[in-house]
Amino acid sequence: MTTLRCAIYTRKSSDEGLEQSFNSLDAQHEACSAYILSQASHGWCEVATRYDDGGLSGGTLERPALQRLLADVAAGRIDIIVVYKVDRLTRSLLDFAKLVEAFDKADTSFVSVTQSFNTTTSMGRLTLNMLLSFAQFEREVTAERIRDKIAASKARGMWMGGTPPLGYRPDGRSLAVVEEHAALVRHIFARYLALGTVRLLEAELKQHGVRVPERATAGGKPLGGGWFSRGVLYLMLRRVTYDGRIAHGDKSYPGTHPAIIPSDTFQRVQAMLSEHVQGSRTAPRASNPSLLAGKIVDDGGEPLVASHATKGKARYRYYVSRALHTGASSTGLRVPAREIERVVADRLASQFDDPLALTAAAWLDVPADCFASLHERCGDIAARLRRLCPSSVAALIAQVRIADARVHVDCHADAVATLLACAQHEDAPALLTLTAEVRLTRSGTAMRLVQRDGSASAAQVDASLTRQLLLARGWWKELRGGEIDITRLATREGLTASYVTRVLRLAFLAPSITQAILAGRLRAGVSAATLTATGGVDASWRTQEARLLPTPAGAGLRRA
């Protein structure tokens, strides 16, 4: 009789109770061991090695014991894998398909003690796939319930956690007023109405030595102590919580907590803030809305105004310093809107590409068995952000700050939680700050965003340069045939011989340069004009690549 080597795999999502002498892992192992003993007449024999993963989610395959088990399966040391339930092995249909493929490749069977499944048969595979599909459906329904519960609770005016605004402290599912801090909040609102601008308000608070009061989160993390920045003041003045309301997305509901600012005062402040926002496009047929209008500032906190220029049928959008926009100054920033919007959207999307890091950064409370569905939701949101979906971008961004070598993106942490249908820890931060390492380069009065490797922030094919490259190759093919010279070619094209000569240089670019031109990935600032200028194209391909291509990752990069 052939001996079949049986390995038992056990898993528990949380580490609760694992310190006990007989825990959940032991109970699973005992049940599987008894099942193997009942099959002894068929040659089943339990191996001595235990494969136990305690406190780990089934939404990922990166588990130490599971990886050891897969290594032993690949090495041919295991004939049958025995688990208590299918979801102990994995909760993901995609991961399960990968595991079944690995088991089949090693001629290893898979058995569930409580569900009597065996993957050596097609019916067993079908049943398991159906079971995991229902498990996935259950997780998605649970996520919807959480999202609906958060929305319903906020609609009833309940406080759903996070760090309360200055002037409040948590009081169960409501907020209580901290009178000492509330007096400062009232003073800030009153002075803004008197001064008219956040810039003057910030300067006055600093002049009088008024700092953000020091306090602590429920977890003991210290807050405050610094100066009131313009970003913080803008957020305070926009907080509907001070008007006795609870915000949820773009809506707000009457809260169960008392208001700190009278409703008429709060509405006057909102009206004044709205009057000072320039450049937002509200027309329903605006084909290119300025996604960051009213939310983008320079390194000093001065707002950048959404503007545009039209040349022929082409429309170019910019974010411009207010002084430059009004003509009060000849200096300031003029940032191409499409480029900065792409940088911001890509940085947000990259954060959603890593659900675990996002969960930690936004202090989200995610059950261990929900990470698989969380990964899918993050993927959907990242895709929408990369498509520059206005609703997704607007919901997340609180403010974008442009510095010399970086772009800082402040996101609403509660908006992240809402989009992912997750609860936040009580002491979660209000803002999540992301940084994109791009630098600003000036071209005349315009500014360009350039990545650290020297390439433009977004791939953009230069149509003029592409046309000249095609002309150069076509002309060189004719000249090489010997039936025409440069003088006659220039006469035929209605151009000067010197211009034809300069364009012809493009036919001798390195293949890597040609590919970069067609992909829109040349070093920022390289154009048809620079390449056709005197000395624009060197004879050495290596020199061309060093001058015209972005710097390879890790080569000659300076620390920003």
Protein backbone atom coordinates (compact mmCIF):
# COMPACT_ATOMS: atom_id res chain seq x y z
CA MET A 1 0.00 0.00 0.00
CA THR A 2 1.33 3.45 -0.99
CA THR A 3 1.98 5.85 1.86
CA LEU A 4 0.44 9.30 1.36
CA ARG A 5 2.24 12.06 3.29
CA CYS A 6 -0.32 14.49 4.75
CA ALA A 7 0.52 18.05 5.90
CA ILE A 8 -1.90 19.98 8.13
CA TYR A 9 -2.21 23.73 7.59
CA THR A 10 -3.92 25.96 10.18
CA ARG A 11 -4.54 29.70 10.30
CA LYS A 12 -6.19 32.28 12.57
CA SER A 13 -6.85 35.88 11.44
CA SER A 14 -6.24 37.55 14.81
CA ASP A 15 -3.69 36.85 17.52
CA GLU A 16 -6.35 36.89 20.24
CA GLY A 17 -6.12 33.80 22.42
CA LEU A 18 -2.94 32.45 20.82
CA GLU A 19 -1.15 32.70 24.15
CA GLN A 20 -3.43 30.02 25.62
CA SER A 21 -2.10 26.48 26.06
CA PHE A 22 -4.81 25.12 23.72
CA ASN A 23 -5.86 27.66 21.13
CA SER A 24 -7.75 27.78 17.84
CA LEU A 25 -4.73 26.56 15.87
CA ASP A 26 -4.45 23.52 18.14
CA ALA A 27 -8.17 22.79 17.74
CA GLN A 28 -7.89 22.92 13.94
CA HIS A 29 -4.80 20.73 14.01
CA GLU A 30 -6.46 18.16 16.27
CA ALA A 31 -9.53 17.88 14.00
CA CYS A 32 -7.35 17.45 10.89
CA SER A 33 -5.12 14.93 12.64
CA ALA A 34 -8.15 12.85 13.61
CA TYR A 35 -9.37 12.92 9.99
CA ILE A 36 -5.99 11.71 8.72
CA LEU A 37 -6.06 8.89 11.30
CA SER A 38 -9.49 7.84 10.02
CA GLN A 39 -7.98 7.45 6.54
CA ALA A 40 -5.05 5.33 7.72
CA SER A 41 -6.42 2.32 5.87
CA HIS A 42 -5.86 4.27 2.62
CA GLY A 43 -2.22 4.90 3.45
CA TRP A 44 -2.62 8.40 4.88
CA CYS A 45 0.20 9.40 7.27
CA GLU A 46 0.65 12.76 9.02
CA VAL A 47 4.04 14.47 8.62
CA ALA A 48 5.79 15.74 11.75
CA THR A 49 6.19 19.36 10.56
CA ARG A 50 3.46 21.79 11.63
CA TYR A 51 2.37 24.67 9.42
CA ASP A 52 0.63 27.23 11.67
CA ASP A 53 -0.02 30.91 10.80
CA GLY A 54 -1.40 32.83 13.77
CA GLY A 55 -2.67 36.40 13.54
CA LEU A 56 -2.47 36.56 9.72
CA SER A 57 -5.16 37.40 7.17
CA GLY A 58 -6.25 34.96 4.49
CA GLY A 59 -6.35 37.80 1.97
CA THR A 60 -2.67 37.38 1.12
CA LEU A 61 -0.36 34.46 0.37
CA GLU A 62 2.58 36.13 2.11
CA ARG A 63 2.37 33.99 5.26
CA PRO A 64 5.49 32.28 6.69
CA ALA A 65 3.97 28.85 7.34
CA LEU A 66 2.11 28.84 4.01
CA GLN A 67 5.30 29.71 2.15
CA ARG A 68 7.13 26.83 3.92
CA LEU A 69 4.27 24.52 2.95
CA LEU A 70 4.39 25.61 -0.69
CA ALA A 71 8.17 25.08 -0.74
CA ASP A 72 7.74 21.54 0.62
CA VAL A 73 4.99 20.86 -1.95
CA ALA A 74 7.25 22.04 -4.77
CA ALA A 75 10.04 19.82 -3.42
CA GLY A 76 7.75 16.77 -3.58
CA ARG A 77 7.61 16.18 0.20
CA ILE A 78 3.80 16.45 0.51
CA ASP A 79 1.08 14.31 -1.12
CA ILE A 80 -2.05 15.71 0.57
CA ILE A 81 -2.76 19.05 2.26
CA VAL A 82 -5.43 18.90 4.97
CA VAL A 83 -7.21 22.01 6.32
CA TYR A 84 -10.14 22.47 8.67
CA LYS A 85 -11.99 24.80 6.26
CA VAL A 86 -11.22 26.14 2.80
CA ASP A 87 -10.95 29.76 3.97
CA ARG A 88 -8.10 28.77 6.31
CA LEU A 89 -5.96 28.37 3.22
CA THR A 90 -7.13 31.52 1.40
CA ARG A 91 -10.08 33.89 1.11
CA SER A 92 -9.24 35.07 -2.39
CA LEU A 93 -10.56 33.33 -5.49
CA LEU A 94 -7.54 34.51 -7.48
CA ASP A 95 -5.08 33.24 -4.87
CA PHE A 96 -6.96 29.95 -4.64
CA ALA A 97 -6.59 29.45 -8.40
CA LYS A 98 -2.84 29.99 -8.04
CA LEU A 99 -2.64 27.48 -5.19
CA VAL A 100 -4.62 24.82 -7.08
CA GLU A 101 -2.31 25.27 -10.07
CA ALA A 102 0.75 24.81 -7.82
CA PHE A 103 -0.82 21.72 -6.18
CA ASP A 104 -1.68 20.16 -9.54
CA LYS A 105 1.84 20.79 -10.82
CA ALA A 106 3.28 18.89 -7.83
CA ASP A 107 0.53 16.21 -8.00
CA THR A 108 -0.64 17.20 -4.52
CA SER A 109 -4.26 16.86 -3.36
CA PHE A 110 -6.17 19.30 -1.17
CA VAL A 111 -8.76 18.21 1.40
CA SER A 112 -11.08 20.19 3.69
CA VAL A 113 -12.12 18.24 6.78
CA THR A 114 -15.43 19.99 7.41
CA GLN A 115 -16.41 20.43 3.76
CA SER A 116 -15.20 17.16 2.20
CA PHE A 117 -13.58 18.73 -0.85
CA ASN A 118 -10.86 17.14 -2.93
CA THR A 119 -9.17 19.09 -5.71
CA THR A 120 -8.10 15.99 -7.58
CA THR A 121 -11.59 15.88 -9.15
CA SER A 122 -13.21 18.43 -11.46
CA MET A 123 -16.36 18.42 -9.33
CA GLY A 124 -14.25 19.27 -6.27
CA ARG A 125 -12.72 22.25 -8.06
CA LEU A 126 -16.12 23.48 -9.21
CA THR A 127 -17.55 23.27 -5.70
CA LEU A 128 -14.57 25.07 -4.18
CA ASN A 129 -14.75 27.87 -6.76
CA MET A 130 -18.43 28.34 -5.99
CA LEU A 131 -17.71 28.43 -2.26
CA LEU A 132 -14.98 31.06 -2.62
CA SER A 133 -17.18 33.12 -4.95
CA PHE A 134 -19.85 33.26 -2.26
CA ALA A 135 -17.20 34.13 0.34
CA GLN A 136 -16.01 37.01 -1.84
CA PHE A 137 -19.61 38.14 -2.33
CA GLU A 138 -20.09 38.11 1.44
CA ARG A 139 -17.04 40.35 1.96
CA GLU A 140 -18.30 42.84 -0.63
CA VAL A 141 -21.74 42.92 0.97
CA THR A 142 -20.09 43.48 4.36
CA ALA A 143 -18.11 46.41 2.91
CA GLU A 144 -21.33 47.91 1.54
CA ARG A 145 -22.97 47.53 4.95
CA ILE A 146 -20.06 49.33 6.60
CA ARG A 147 -20.25 52.14 4.06
CA ASP A 148 -24.01 52.44 4.48
CA LYS A 149 -23.67 52.37 8.26
CA ILE A 150 -21.16 55.22 8.21
CA ALA A 151 -23.41 57.25 5.88
CA ALA A 152 -26.53 56.54 7.98
CA SER A 153 -24.76 57.41 11.23
CA LYS A 154 -23.47 60.71 9.86
CA ALA A 155 -26.91 61.51 8.45
CA ARG A 156 -28.16 61.23 12.03
CA GLY A 157 -25.49 63.71 13.13
CA MET A 158 -23.24 61.22 14.90
CA TRP A 159 -19.47 61.73 15.23
CA MET A 160 -17.79 58.69 13.60
CA GLY A 161 -14.30 59.05 15.01
CA GLY A 162 -11.03 60.67 14.06
CA THR A 163 -9.34 63.69 15.58
CA PRO A 164 -12.00 66.27 16.49
CA PRO A 165 -11.53 69.88 15.34
CA LEU A 166 -9.90 72.37 17.67
CA GLY A 167 -12.50 73.40 20.26
CA TYR A 168 -14.05 69.96 20.69
CA ARG A 169 -13.29 66.69 22.44
CA PRO A 170 -14.87 63.28 21.77
CA ASP A 171 -17.96 62.52 23.80
CA GLY A 172 -19.11 59.06 22.79
CA ARG A 173 -20.72 59.40 19.35
CA SER A 174 -20.90 63.16 19.78
CA LEU A 175 -18.58 66.06 20.58
CA ALA A 176 -18.29 68.23 23.67
CA VAL A 177 -17.03 71.84 23.63
CA VAL A 178 -13.64 72.67 25.14
CA GLU A 179 -14.40 76.25 26.07
CA GLU A 180 -10.79 77.45 26.29
CA HIS A 181 -10.10 76.36 22.70
CA ALA A 182 -13.59 77.34 21.49
CA ALA A 183 -12.88 80.95 22.46
CA LEU A 184 -9.83 80.92 20.18
CA VAL A 185 -11.90 79.48 17.31
CA ARG A 186 -14.47 82.28 17.71
CA HIS A 187 -11.64 84.83 17.72
CA ILE A 188 -10.21 83.42 14.46
CA PHE A 189 -13.59 83.56 12.70
CA ALA A 190 -14.20 87.12 13.91
CA ARG A 191 -10.76 88.36 12.87
CA TYR A 192 -11.09 86.79 9.41
CA LEU A 193 -14.31 88.73 8.84
CA ALA A 194 -12.56 91.89 10.00
CA LEU A 195 -9.33 91.44 8.01
CA GLY A 196 -10.80 89.86 4.89
CA THR A 197 -7.91 87.54 3.97
CA VAL A 198 -6.31 84.44 5.48
CA ARG A 199 -2.87 85.89 4.74
CA LEU A 200 -3.48 88.87 7.01
CA LEU A 201 -5.09 86.64 9.62
CA GLU A 202 -2.02 84.38 9.69
CA ALA A 203 0.29 87.38 10.03
CA GLU A 204 -1.75 88.87 12.89
CA LEU A 205 -1.85 85.60 14.85
CA LYS A 206 1.90 85.23 14.48
CA GLN A 207 2.49 88.85 15.45
CA HIS A 208 0.54 88.34 18.68
CA GLY A 209 2.26 85.03 19.41
CA VAL A 210 -0.91 82.94 19.05
CA ARG A 211 -0.02 79.28 18.47
CA VAL A 212 -2.08 76.16 17.90
CA PRO A 213 -3.01 74.90 21.40
CA GLU A 214 -1.25 71.74 22.45
CA ARG A 215 -3.50 68.73 22.95
CA ALA A 216 -3.34 64.97 22.53
CA THR A 217 -5.25 62.32 20.65
CA ALA A 218 -7.08 59.51 22.41
CA GLY A 219 -3.98 57.38 21.85
CA GLY A 220 -1.72 59.93 23.53
CA LYS A 221 -0.16 61.37 20.36
CA PRO A 222 0.66 65.08 20.86
CA LEU A 223 -0.93 67.66 18.56
CA GLY A 224 -0.48 71.38 18.05
CA GLY A 225 2.19 73.66 19.46
CA GLY A 226 3.17 75.31 16.15
CA TRP A 227 2.03 78.43 14.33
CA PHE A 228 -1.30 78.62 12.51
CA SER A 229 -0.43 78.07 8.84
CA ARG A 230 -2.69 79.28 6.05
CA GLY A 231 -3.61 75.72 5.19
CA VAL A 232 -4.75 75.05 8.74
CA LEU A 233 -6.70 78.31 8.86
CA TYR A 234 -8.45 77.57 5.55
CA LEU A 235 -9.50 74.15 6.88
CA MET A 236 -10.76 75.64 10.14
CA LEU A 237 -12.81 78.30 8.38
CA ARG A 238 -14.40 75.68 6.11
CA ARG A 239 -15.21 73.21 8.92
CA VAL A 240 -18.99 72.71 9.03
CA THR A 241 -18.48 71.04 12.41
CA TYR A 242 -18.22 74.54 13.95
CA ASP A 243 -21.72 75.26 12.59
CA GLY A 244 -23.10 72.25 14.48
CA ARG A 245 -23.11 69.97 11.42
CA ILE A 246 -21.47 66.69 10.41
CA ALA A 247 -19.86 66.41 6.96
CA HIS A 248 -20.11 63.33 4.76
CA GLY A 249 -18.63 63.68 1.28
CA ASP A 250 -20.06 66.83 -0.28
CA LYS A 251 -23.08 66.85 2.05
CA SER A 252 -23.56 67.89 5.66
CA TYR A 253 -26.19 67.03 8.26
CA PRO A 254 -27.35 68.57 11.56
CA GLY A 255 -25.11 67.17 14.28
CA THR A 256 -25.84 66.11 17.83
CA HIS A 257 -23.02 68.35 19.10
CA PRO A 258 -23.35 72.08 19.97
CA ALA A 259 -22.17 74.71 17.49
CA ILE A 260 -19.23 76.95 18.39
CA ILE A 261 -19.85 79.55 15.66
CA PRO A 262 -23.31 81.09 15.17
CA SER A 263 -24.89 80.07 11.88
CA ASP A 264 -25.07 83.60 10.43
CA THR A 265 -21.39 84.23 11.21
CA PHE A 266 -20.39 80.91 9.68
CA GLN A 267 -22.34 81.65 6.47
CA ARG A 268 -20.74 85.10 6.16
CA VAL A 269 -17.30 83.48 6.42
CA GLN A 270 -18.19 80.93 3.73
CA ALA A 271 -19.45 83.65 1.42
CA MET A 272 -16.23 85.63 1.87
CA LEU A 273 -14.08 82.54 1.23
CA SER A 274 -16.06 81.76 -1.92
CA GLU A 275 -15.64 85.31 -3.19
CA HIS A 276 -11.89 84.97 -2.88
CA VAL A 277 -11.72 81.70 -4.85
CA GLN A 278 -10.87 82.43 -8.46
CA GLY A 279 -10.71 80.25 -11.52
CA SER A 280 -13.20 77.51 -10.68
CA ARG A 281 -15.35 76.54 -13.65
CA THR A 282 -18.95 75.75 -12.85
CA ALA A 283 -20.35 75.66 -16.38
CA PRO A 284 -21.75 72.17 -17.01
CA ARG A 285 -20.12 72.06 -20.46
CA ALA A 286 -16.62 72.95 -19.28
CA SER A 287 -14.64 70.29 -21.13
CA ASN A 288 -11.40 70.87 -19.21
CA PRO A 289 -12.27 71.74 -15.60
CA SER A 290 -9.49 73.04 -13.38
CA LEU A 291 -9.40 70.19 -10.86
CA LEU A 292 -7.25 72.08 -8.36
CA ALA A 293 -8.98 75.48 -8.51
CA GLY A 294 -9.16 76.97 -5.03
CA LYS A 295 -6.95 74.22 -3.60
CA ILE A 296 -3.47 74.98 -4.94
CA VAL A 297 -1.01 77.38 -3.30
CA ASP A 298 2.68 78.21 -3.58
CA ASP A 299 5.28 77.48 -0.90
CA GLY A 300 4.33 80.68 0.92
CA GLY A 301 0.64 79.81 1.04
CA GLU A 302 -0.41 82.28 -1.67
CA PRO A 303 -3.23 80.83 -3.81
CA LEU A 304 -2.66 80.13 -7.49
CA VAL A 305 -5.47 81.25 -9.78
CA ALA A 306 -6.80 78.99 -12.52
CA SER A 307 -6.33 80.71 -15.87
CA HIS A 308 -6.10 79.86 -19.55
CA ALA A 309 -4.86 81.13 -22.88
CA THR A 310 -6.10 80.35 -26.38
CA LYS A 311 -3.94 80.03 -29.47
CA GLY A 312 -5.95 79.23 -32.55
CA LYS A 313 -8.20 76.34 -31.57
CA ALA A 314 -5.88 75.14 -28.81
CA ARG A 315 -6.66 76.03 -25.21
CA TYR A 316 -3.85 76.06 -22.63
CA ARG A 317 -4.65 76.01 -18.92
CA TYR A 318 -2.41 77.30 -16.12
CA TYR A 319 -2.34 77.93 -12.40
CA VAL A 320 -0.92 81.44 -11.94
CA SER A 321 0.20 83.50 -8.95
CA ARG A 322 -2.46 86.10 -8.17
CA ALA A 323 -0.03 89.02 -8.43
CA LEU A 324 1.14 87.81 -11.83
CA HIS A 325 -2.44 87.20 -12.96
CA THR A 326 -3.61 90.71 -12.02
CA GLY A 327 -0.47 92.42 -13.36
CA ALA A 328 0.53 93.69 -9.93
CA SER A 329 3.90 91.95 -10.31
CA SER A 330 6.00 90.52 -13.12
CA THR A 331 7.24 87.63 -10.98
CA GLY A 332 5.44 84.56 -9.73
CA LEU A 333 4.48 81.06 -10.75
CA ARG A 334 2.78 79.99 -13.96
CA VAL A 335 2.34 76.22 -13.76
CA PRO A 336 0.82 74.21 -16.64
CA ALA A 337 -2.46 72.88 -15.25
CA ARG A 338 -2.42 69.55 -17.06
CA GLU A 339 1.06 68.74 -15.78
CA ILE A 340 0.42 69.53 -12.11
CA GLU A 341 -2.95 67.76 -12.19
CA ARG A 342 -1.28 64.67 -13.62
CA VAL A 343 1.45 64.76 -10.95
CA VAL A 344 -1.12 65.05 -8.16
CA ALA A 345 -3.41 62.36 -9.56
CA ASP A 346 -0.53 59.92 -10.12
CA ARG A 347 0.79 60.50 -6.59
CA LEU A 348 -2.66 59.83 -5.13
CA ALA A 349 -3.08 56.74 -7.30
CA SER A 350 0.31 55.35 -6.25
CA GLN A 351 -0.77 55.59 -2.60
CA PHE A 352 -3.89 53.53 -3.37
CA ASP A 353 -1.67 51.01 -5.18
CA ASP A 354 -0.36 49.98 -1.74
CA PRO A 355 -3.43 49.27 0.45
CA LEU A 356 -1.38 48.20 3.48
CA ALA A 357 0.67 51.42 3.52
CA LEU A 358 -2.49 53.48 2.94
CA THR A 359 -4.25 51.71 5.82
CA ALA A 360 -1.41 52.56 8.18
CA ALA A 361 -1.02 56.17 6.94
CA ALA A 362 -4.74 57.00 7.23
CA TRP A 363 -5.19 55.02 10.48
CA LEU A 364 -7.96 52.89 9.02
CA ASP A 365 -9.60 50.15 11.06
CA VAL A 366 -9.73 47.24 8.59
CA PRO A 367 -10.70 43.71 9.74
CA ALA A 368 -7.99 41.21 8.83
CA ASP A 369 -10.32 39.19 6.59
CA CYS A 370 -11.33 42.23 4.52
CA PHE A 371 -7.96 43.05 2.96
CA ALA A 372 -8.78 41.16 -0.24
CA SER A 373 -11.85 43.30 -0.98
CA LEU A 374 -9.93 46.40 0.19
CA HIS A 375 -7.28 45.67 -2.44
CA GLU A 376 -9.94 45.57 -5.16
CA ARG A 377 -11.51 48.86 -4.05
CA CYS A 378 -8.07 50.52 -3.94
CA GLY A 379 -7.42 49.33 -7.49
CA ASP A 380 -10.71 50.83 -8.72
CA ILE A 381 -10.00 54.18 -7.03
CA ALA A 382 -6.43 54.29 -8.39
CA ALA A 383 -7.76 53.70 -11.90
CA ARG A 384 -10.28 56.56 -11.54
CA LEU A 385 -7.56 58.88 -10.26
CA ARG A 386 -5.29 58.08 -13.19
CA ARG A 387 -8.20 58.94 -15.50
CA LEU A 388 -8.37 62.33 -13.70
CA CYS A 389 -11.92 61.67 -12.55
CA PRO A 390 -12.99 65.08 -11.12
CA SER A 391 -15.19 63.67 -8.34
CA SER A 392 -12.45 61.35 -7.04
CA VAL A 393 -9.77 64.06 -7.09
CA ALA A 394 -12.01 66.71 -5.50
CA ALA A 395 -13.20 64.38 -2.72
CA LEU A 396 -9.67 63.57 -1.57
CA ILE A 397 -7.68 66.79 -1.89
CA ALA A 398 -7.65 69.43 0.80
CA GLN A 399 -4.72 71.43 -0.54
CA VAL A 400 -1.78 71.19 -2.95
CA ARG A 401 1.40 73.10 -2.13
CA ILE A 402 4.11 73.69 -4.75
CA ALA A 403 7.66 74.00 -3.46
CA ASP A 404 10.91 74.28 -5.43
CA ALA A 405 11.70 70.56 -5.49
CA ARG A 406 8.48 68.93 -4.33
CA VAL A 407 4.73 68.99 -4.59
CA HIS A 408 2.92 68.33 -1.30
CA VAL A 409 -0.62 66.95 -1.46
CA ASP A 410 -2.80 67.17 1.67
CA CYS A 411 -5.64 64.62 1.58
CA HIS A 412 -8.71 64.34 3.77
CA ALA A 413 -8.13 61.18 5.83
CA ASP A 414 -11.86 60.79 6.46
CA ALA A 415 -12.49 60.96 2.69
CA VAL A 416 -10.06 58.07 2.22
CA ALA A 417 -11.97 56.10 4.85
CA THR A 418 -15.30 56.90 3.19
CA LEU A 419 -14.12 55.84 -0.27
CA LEU A 420 -12.81 52.56 1.14
CA ALA A 421 -15.86 51.97 3.37
CA CYS A 422 -13.60 51.68 6.42
CA ALA A 423 -13.81 53.12 9.91
CA GLN A 424 -11.00 55.28 11.34
CA HIS A 425 -9.28 55.01 14.68
CA GLU A 426 -10.46 57.65 17.11
CA ASP A 427 -7.09 59.41 17.14
CA ALA A 428 -6.64 59.30 13.36
CA PRO A 429 -5.11 62.46 11.79
CA ALA A 430 -7.36 64.83 9.87
CA LEU A 431 -4.93 65.12 6.95
CA LEU A 432 -2.67 62.69 5.11
CA THR A 433 0.25 64.44 3.38
CA LEU A 434 1.83 62.91 0.26
CA THR A 435 4.91 64.22 -1.53
CA ALA A 436 5.83 64.02 -5.22
CA GLU A 437 9.49 64.72 -5.92
CA VAL A 438 9.38 66.96 -8.97
CA ARG A 439 11.17 70.23 -9.47
CA LEU A 440 10.14 73.43 -11.18
CA THR A 441 12.08 74.77 -14.16
CA ARG A 442 11.42 78.13 -15.72
CA SER A 443 10.92 78.71 -19.44
CA GLY A 444 10.31 82.43 -19.86
CA THR A 445 7.47 83.28 -17.49
CA ALA A 446 6.10 79.72 -17.57
CA MET A 447 7.10 76.96 -15.17
CA ARG A 448 7.55 73.31 -16.11
CA LEU A 449 7.37 70.32 -13.79
CA VAL A 450 10.31 67.96 -14.20
CA GLN A 451 10.90 64.63 -12.49
CA ARG A 452 14.15 63.88 -10.69
CA ASP A 453 15.53 62.06 -13.74
CA GLY A 454 15.12 65.19 -15.87
CA SER A 455 12.09 63.99 -17.85
CA ALA A 456 8.82 65.89 -18.08
CA SER A 457 6.21 65.10 -15.43
CA ALA A 458 3.94 63.52 -18.05
CA ALA A 459 4.76 61.92 -21.39
CA GLN A 460 3.91 64.33 -24.21
CA VAL A 461 4.84 63.73 -27.83
CA ASP A 462 6.21 66.87 -29.53
CA ALA A 463 4.25 66.92 -32.81
CA SER A 464 6.57 69.50 -34.40
CA LEU A 465 9.70 67.52 -33.53
CA THR A 466 8.12 64.30 -34.79
CA ARG A 467 7.27 65.91 -38.14
CA GLN A 468 10.83 67.21 -38.53
CA LEU A 469 12.25 63.79 -37.67
CA LEU A 470 10.16 62.22 -40.45
CA LEU A 471 11.21 64.95 -42.88
CA ALA A 472 14.88 64.42 -42.04
CA ARG A 473 14.69 60.67 -42.64
CA GLY A 474 12.80 61.14 -45.93
CA TRP A 475 15.20 63.79 -47.19
CA TRP A 476 18.27 61.74 -46.26
CA LYS A 477 16.87 58.75 -48.15
CA GLU A 478 16.54 60.92 -51.27
CA LEU A 479 20.02 62.44 -50.89
CA ARG A 480 21.60 59.05 -50.33
CA GLY A 481 20.13 57.90 -53.68
CA GLY A 482 22.33 60.50 -55.39
CA GLU A 483 19.60 61.89 -57.69
CA ILE A 484 19.25 65.24 -55.87
CA ASP A 485 21.47 67.53 -53.80
CA ILE A 486 20.69 69.82 -50.87
CA THR A 487 20.41 72.94 -53.03
CA ARG A 488 17.80 71.43 -55.38
CA LEU A 489 16.01 69.79 -52.43
CA ALA A 490 15.74 73.14 -50.63
CA THR A 491 14.45 74.81 -53.82
CA ARG A 492 11.83 72.09 -54.27
CA GLU A 493 10.65 72.41 -50.66
CA GLY A 494 10.68 76.22 -50.76
CA LEU A 495 13.19 76.36 -47.90
CA THR A 496 16.72 77.63 -47.43
CA ALA A 497 19.59 75.19 -47.79
CA SER A 498 20.85 76.03 -44.28
CA TYR A 499 17.47 75.12 -42.74
CA VAL A 500 17.36 71.82 -44.67
CA THR A 501 20.87 71.05 -43.43
CA ARG A 502 19.92 71.69 -39.80
CA VAL A 503 16.84 69.46 -40.05
CA LEU A 504 18.85 66.69 -41.74
CA ARG A 505 20.88 66.31 -38.53
CA LEU A 506 17.85 64.62 -36.97
CA ALA A 507 18.36 61.65 -39.29
CA PHE A 508 21.60 60.91 -37.42
CA LEU A 509 20.13 60.72 -33.91
CA ALA A 510 20.82 57.61 -31.82
CA PRO A 511 18.04 54.98 -32.02
CA SER A 512 17.31 55.50 -28.30
CA ILE A 513 16.78 59.24 -28.94
CA THR A 514 14.40 58.49 -31.80
CA GLN A 515 12.37 56.14 -29.59
CA ALA A 516 12.26 58.78 -26.84
CA ILE A 517 10.95 61.39 -29.32
CA LEU A 518 8.15 59.09 -30.47
CA ALA A 519 7.27 58.22 -26.82
CA GLY A 520 7.46 61.81 -25.56
CA ARG A 521 10.17 60.92 -23.03
CA LEU A 522 13.02 63.29 -23.86
CA ARG A 523 14.71 65.36 -21.19
CA ALA A 524 12.56 68.37 -20.32
CA GLY A 525 13.36 71.43 -22.43
CA VAL A 526 14.50 69.49 -25.52
CA SER A 527 12.50 70.59 -28.57
CA ALA A 528 12.70 70.95 -32.33
CA ALA A 529 14.25 74.39 -31.87
CA THR A 530 17.04 73.14 -29.58
CA LEU A 531 17.89 70.18 -31.82
CA THR A 532 18.04 72.25 -35.03
CA ALA A 533 20.10 75.02 -33.42
CA THR A 534 23.86 75.22 -33.96
CA GLY A 535 25.48 72.32 -32.12
CA GLY A 536 22.10 70.82 -31.28
CA VAL A 537 23.02 67.29 -32.42
CA ASP A 538 26.43 65.89 -31.48
CA ALA A 539 28.10 63.30 -33.71
CA SER A 540 28.54 60.87 -30.79
CA TRP A 541 25.48 58.78 -29.87
CA ARG A 542 26.75 58.48 -26.31
CA THR A 543 26.98 62.27 -25.97
CA GLN A 544 23.49 62.62 -27.49
CA GLU A 545 22.04 60.22 -24.91
CA ALA A 546 23.78 62.01 -22.03
CA ARG A 547 22.40 65.41 -23.18
CA LEU A 548 18.94 64.51 -24.41
CA LEU A 549 17.67 61.54 -22.37
CA PRO A 550 16.48 61.57 -18.75
CA THR A 551 19.08 60.51 -16.19
CA PRO A 552 18.82 56.77 -15.41
CA ALA A 553 17.40 55.95 -11.96
CA GLY A 554 20.10 56.23 -9.32
CA ALA A 555 22.67 57.90 -11.64
CA GLY A 556 23.76 61.34 -10.57
CA LEU A 557 20.62 62.12 -8.60
CA ARG A 558 20.95 64.73 -5.91
CA ARG A 559 19.03 64.53 -2.68
CA ALA A 560 16.17 67.00 -2.78
